[in-house]
Protein backbone atom coordinates (compact mmCIF):
# COMPACT_ATOMS: atom_id res chain seq x y z
CA MET A 1 -21.43 2.76 9.31
CA ASP A 2 -18.05 3.00 7.57
CA ARG A 3 -15.99 -0.03 6.52
CA ARG A 4 -13.37 0.40 9.26
CA LYS A 5 -15.96 0.39 12.04
CA PHE A 6 -17.81 -2.56 10.49
CA LEU A 7 -14.61 -4.63 10.23
CA LYS A 8 -13.67 -3.89 13.84
CA ILE A 9 -17.13 -4.87 15.10
CA MET A 10 -17.16 -8.09 13.07
CA ALA A 11 -13.66 -9.07 14.18
CA MET A 12 -14.48 -8.27 17.81
CA SER A 13 -17.63 -10.37 17.65
CA ALA A 14 -15.84 -13.36 16.14
CA ALA A 15 -12.89 -13.22 18.52
CA SER A 16 -14.98 -12.56 21.64
CA ILE A 17 -16.08 -16.18 21.56
CA PHE A 18 -12.48 -17.23 22.32
CA LEU A 19 -10.90 -14.18 23.91
CA HIS A 20 -12.42 -12.49 26.95
CA ASP A 21 -9.58 -10.13 27.92
CA GLU A 22 -9.86 -6.87 25.94
CA GLU A 23 -6.07 -6.36 25.75
CA VAL A 24 -5.44 -9.92 24.56
CA PHE A 25 -8.26 -9.50 22.07
CA ALA A 26 -6.81 -6.26 20.66
CA LYS A 27 -3.39 -7.90 20.23
CA TYR A 28 -5.02 -10.90 18.53
CA ILE A 29 -6.83 -8.67 16.02
CA LEU A 30 -3.70 -6.68 15.12
CA GLU A 31 -1.63 -9.83 14.67
CA THR A 32 -4.12 -11.85 12.63
CA TRP A 33 -6.23 -9.40 10.61
CA GLU A 34 -5.30 -8.52 7.04
CA PRO A 35 -7.13 -6.32 4.53
CA PRO A 36 -8.57 -8.11 1.48
CA ILE A 37 -5.60 -8.47 -0.88
CA ARG A 38 -5.86 -10.23 -4.24
CA LYS A 39 -2.76 -12.39 -4.51
CA LEU A 40 -1.61 -12.98 -8.08
CA PHE A 41 1.56 -15.06 -7.58
CA LEU A 42 3.42 -13.25 -10.38
CA GLN A 43 6.66 -14.78 -11.66
CA PHE A 44 9.90 -12.86 -11.10
CA THR A 45 13.39 -13.42 -12.49
CA GLU A 46 15.10 -12.61 -9.18
CA TYR A 47 14.28 -11.83 -5.58
CA GLU A 48 16.02 -10.46 -2.52
CA LEU A 49 14.66 -10.34 1.03
CA ARG A 50 14.14 -6.82 2.40
CA PRO A 51 16.35 -6.37 5.49
CA SER A 52 14.11 -3.78 7.17
CA THR A 53 10.88 -1.84 6.74
CA GLU A 54 11.09 1.78 7.80
CA MET A 55 8.77 3.56 5.37
CA ILE A 56 5.80 3.25 3.07
CA VAL A 57 6.17 4.95 -0.31
CA ILE A 58 3.02 6.03 -2.16
CA HIS A 59 3.04 6.11 -5.98
CA HIS A 60 0.66 6.56 -8.88
CA ALA A 61 0.88 4.66 -12.17
CA GLY A 62 1.16 8.05 -13.88
CA PHE A 63 0.97 6.87 -17.46
CA PRO A 64 1.16 9.99 -19.66
CA ASP A 65 -1.67 8.83 -21.94
CA GLY A 66 -4.23 9.53 -19.25
CA ASP A 67 -5.91 8.40 -16.09
CA LYS A 68 -6.39 4.68 -16.66
CA ASP A 69 -6.93 1.66 -14.47
CA SER A 70 -3.74 -0.41 -14.37
CA SER A 71 -3.58 -3.86 -12.84
CA ALA A 72 -0.61 -5.41 -11.07
CA GLU A 73 -0.37 -7.81 -14.02
CA ASP A 74 -0.25 -4.93 -16.54
CA ILE A 75 2.48 -3.15 -14.58
CA HIS A 76 4.37 -6.43 -14.05
CA LYS A 77 4.47 -7.03 -17.81
CA PHE A 78 5.51 -3.42 -18.50
CA HIS A 79 8.30 -3.51 -15.89
CA GLN A 80 9.65 -6.80 -17.28
CA GLU A 81 9.35 -6.10 -21.00
CA VAL A 82 10.04 -2.36 -21.18
CA ASN A 83 12.21 -1.68 -18.11
CA GLY A 84 13.97 -5.06 -18.10
CA TRP A 85 13.30 -5.51 -14.37
CA ALA A 86 12.66 -8.75 -12.47
CA GLY A 87 8.96 -7.80 -12.46
CA ILE A 88 6.59 -5.26 -10.95
CA GLY A 89 8.48 -2.90 -8.67
CA TYR A 90 5.57 -2.22 -6.28
CA HIS A 91 4.41 -4.49 -3.48
CA TYR A 92 0.77 -3.47 -3.90
CA VAL A 93 -1.45 -1.90 -6.56
CA ILE A 94 -4.81 -0.30 -5.79
CA ARG A 95 -7.21 -0.43 -8.72
CA LYS A 96 -9.93 2.10 -9.61
CA ASP A 97 -12.59 -0.10 -7.98
CA GLY A 98 -10.60 -0.18 -4.71
CA THR A 99 -9.28 -3.73 -5.17
CA ILE A 100 -5.86 -4.22 -3.57
CA GLU A 101 -3.59 -6.47 -5.64
CA GLN A 102 -0.27 -7.88 -4.49
CA GLY A 103 2.65 -7.22 -6.80
CA ARG A 104 6.01 -8.16 -5.32
CA ARG A 105 5.85 -10.40 -2.31
CA PRO A 106 5.64 -8.17 0.77
CA GLN A 107 8.92 -9.30 2.37
CA MET A 108 11.01 -8.77 -0.78
CA VAL A 109 13.02 -5.75 -1.90
CA GLY A 110 10.99 -3.65 -4.32
CA ALA A 111 12.02 -1.57 -7.33
CA HIS A 112 10.01 1.59 -6.83
CA ALA A 113 12.15 4.28 -5.12
CA LEU A 114 15.82 4.56 -6.10
CA HIS A 115 18.16 4.17 -3.08
CA HIS A 116 15.20 3.40 -0.76
CA ASN A 117 14.01 -0.03 -1.91
CA LYS A 118 15.76 -2.05 0.79
CA ASN A 119 13.84 -0.37 3.62
CA SER A 120 10.43 0.43 2.14
CA VAL A 121 7.14 -0.98 0.92
CA GLY A 122 5.79 0.48 -2.33
CA ILE A 123 2.08 1.07 -2.98
CA CYS A 124 0.95 2.16 -6.44
CA VAL A 125 -2.50 3.67 -6.91
CA ALA A 126 -3.81 3.18 -10.47
CA GLY A 127 -4.24 6.45 -12.31
CA ASN A 128 -2.47 9.67 -13.20
CA PHE A 129 -3.03 12.04 -10.32
CA GLU A 130 -1.40 15.01 -11.96
CA VAL A 131 -4.50 15.19 -14.18
CA ALA A 132 -7.19 13.31 -12.21
CA LYS A 133 -8.14 12.69 -8.59
CA PRO A 134 -8.12 9.35 -6.78
CA ASN A 135 -11.66 8.18 -6.15
CA HIS A 136 -13.09 7.43 -2.70
CA LYS A 137 -12.78 3.63 -3.16
CA GLN A 138 -9.08 3.98 -3.91
CA LEU A 139 -8.52 6.31 -0.97
CA ASP A 140 -10.42 4.01 1.42
CA SER A 141 -8.33 1.02 0.32
CA LEU A 142 -5.11 3.04 0.49
CA LYS A 143 -5.90 4.16 4.03
CA LEU A 144 -6.78 0.64 5.14
CA LEU A 145 -3.69 -0.94 3.54
CA THR A 146 -1.36 1.75 4.86
CA ALA A 147 -2.79 1.48 8.39
CA TRP A 148 -2.37 -2.29 8.30
CA LEU A 149 1.23 -1.96 7.10
CA CYS A 150 1.98 0.52 9.90
CA GLN A 151 0.61 -1.98 12.42
CA ARG A 152 2.41 -4.93 10.82
CA TYR A 153 5.82 -3.23 10.76
CA LYS A 154 5.28 -1.20 13.96
CA LEU A 155 5.68 2.14 12.17
CA ASN A 156 4.59 5.48 13.61
CA PRO A 157 2.55 7.07 10.77
CA MET A 158 3.00 10.57 12.19
CA LYS A 159 6.80 10.37 12.24
CA ASP A 160 8.55 12.25 9.44
CA GLY A 161 9.67 9.97 6.64
CA VAL A 162 7.39 7.02 7.45
CA ILE A 163 4.52 7.57 4.97
CA VAL A 164 5.94 9.45 2.01
CA GLY A 165 5.23 10.22 -1.60
CA HIS A 166 7.75 9.06 -4.18
CA ARG A 167 8.59 12.74 -4.81
CA ASN A 168 9.94 12.99 -1.24
CA LEU A 169 12.71 10.55 -2.18
CA ASN A 170 13.46 11.06 -5.86
CA ASP A 171 13.21 13.73 -8.55
CA THR A 172 9.67 13.01 -9.78
CA SER A 173 6.13 14.39 -9.55
CA CYS A 174 4.86 10.97 -8.38
CA PRO A 175 2.32 10.32 -6.83
CA GLY A 176 0.83 13.34 -8.56
CA LYS A 177 -0.35 16.53 -6.87
CA ASN A 178 -3.92 15.25 -6.30
CA LEU A 179 -2.80 12.15 -4.40
CA TYR A 180 0.18 13.79 -2.70
CA SER A 181 -2.20 16.32 -1.12
CA LYS A 182 -4.01 13.41 0.63
CA LEU A 183 -0.95 12.09 2.52
CA GLY A 184 -1.75 14.07 5.68
CA GLU A 185 -5.25 12.59 5.74
CA ILE A 186 -3.80 9.09 5.27
CA ARG A 187 -1.30 9.58 8.13
CA ARG A 188 -4.07 10.72 10.48
CA TYR A 189 -6.24 7.74 9.55
CA CYS A 190 -3.34 5.39 10.31
CA ARG A 191 -2.73 7.10 13.64
CA ASP A 192 -6.37 6.62 14.66
CA PHE A 193 -6.69 3.07 13.30
């Protein structure tokens, strides 16, 4: 049994004690369920509320020295000390072991896609996917997180421009050819979630 099916069965079992109407139950699950996200409460020098959420932008860490596992804390420090930013530009980071870490607070404007930060959520997958491939744990977590974000912000994952790679918005190879090629699979997962 895959993780998605297991989570649905467990949530249905728990909620069925209180909710007997299937439609009410489904609404309850979508409004209250959240994937496991490690919250780090990183410190930022400035913040601005995001006025709207119209797209999800997929990134890779893409460090040129190889395919390494970067944490939200590592990227936060790099973005502050090297780039001079308020802190990590991404809202979420997915580690090599599949752990989802929160970077920027979800409702805040990110710093991950020039000219598109005020209407998007940024997800960074640890690794350099020009030279390596995302592993199955990372892809499972990315699918789950992206599906949850689509539900949360009422986004149609099959609509053009909703789930995009960074390269669709700016002049970059991000999220790398090996992750970019998985975006269709991610969109279909979100549609069927």
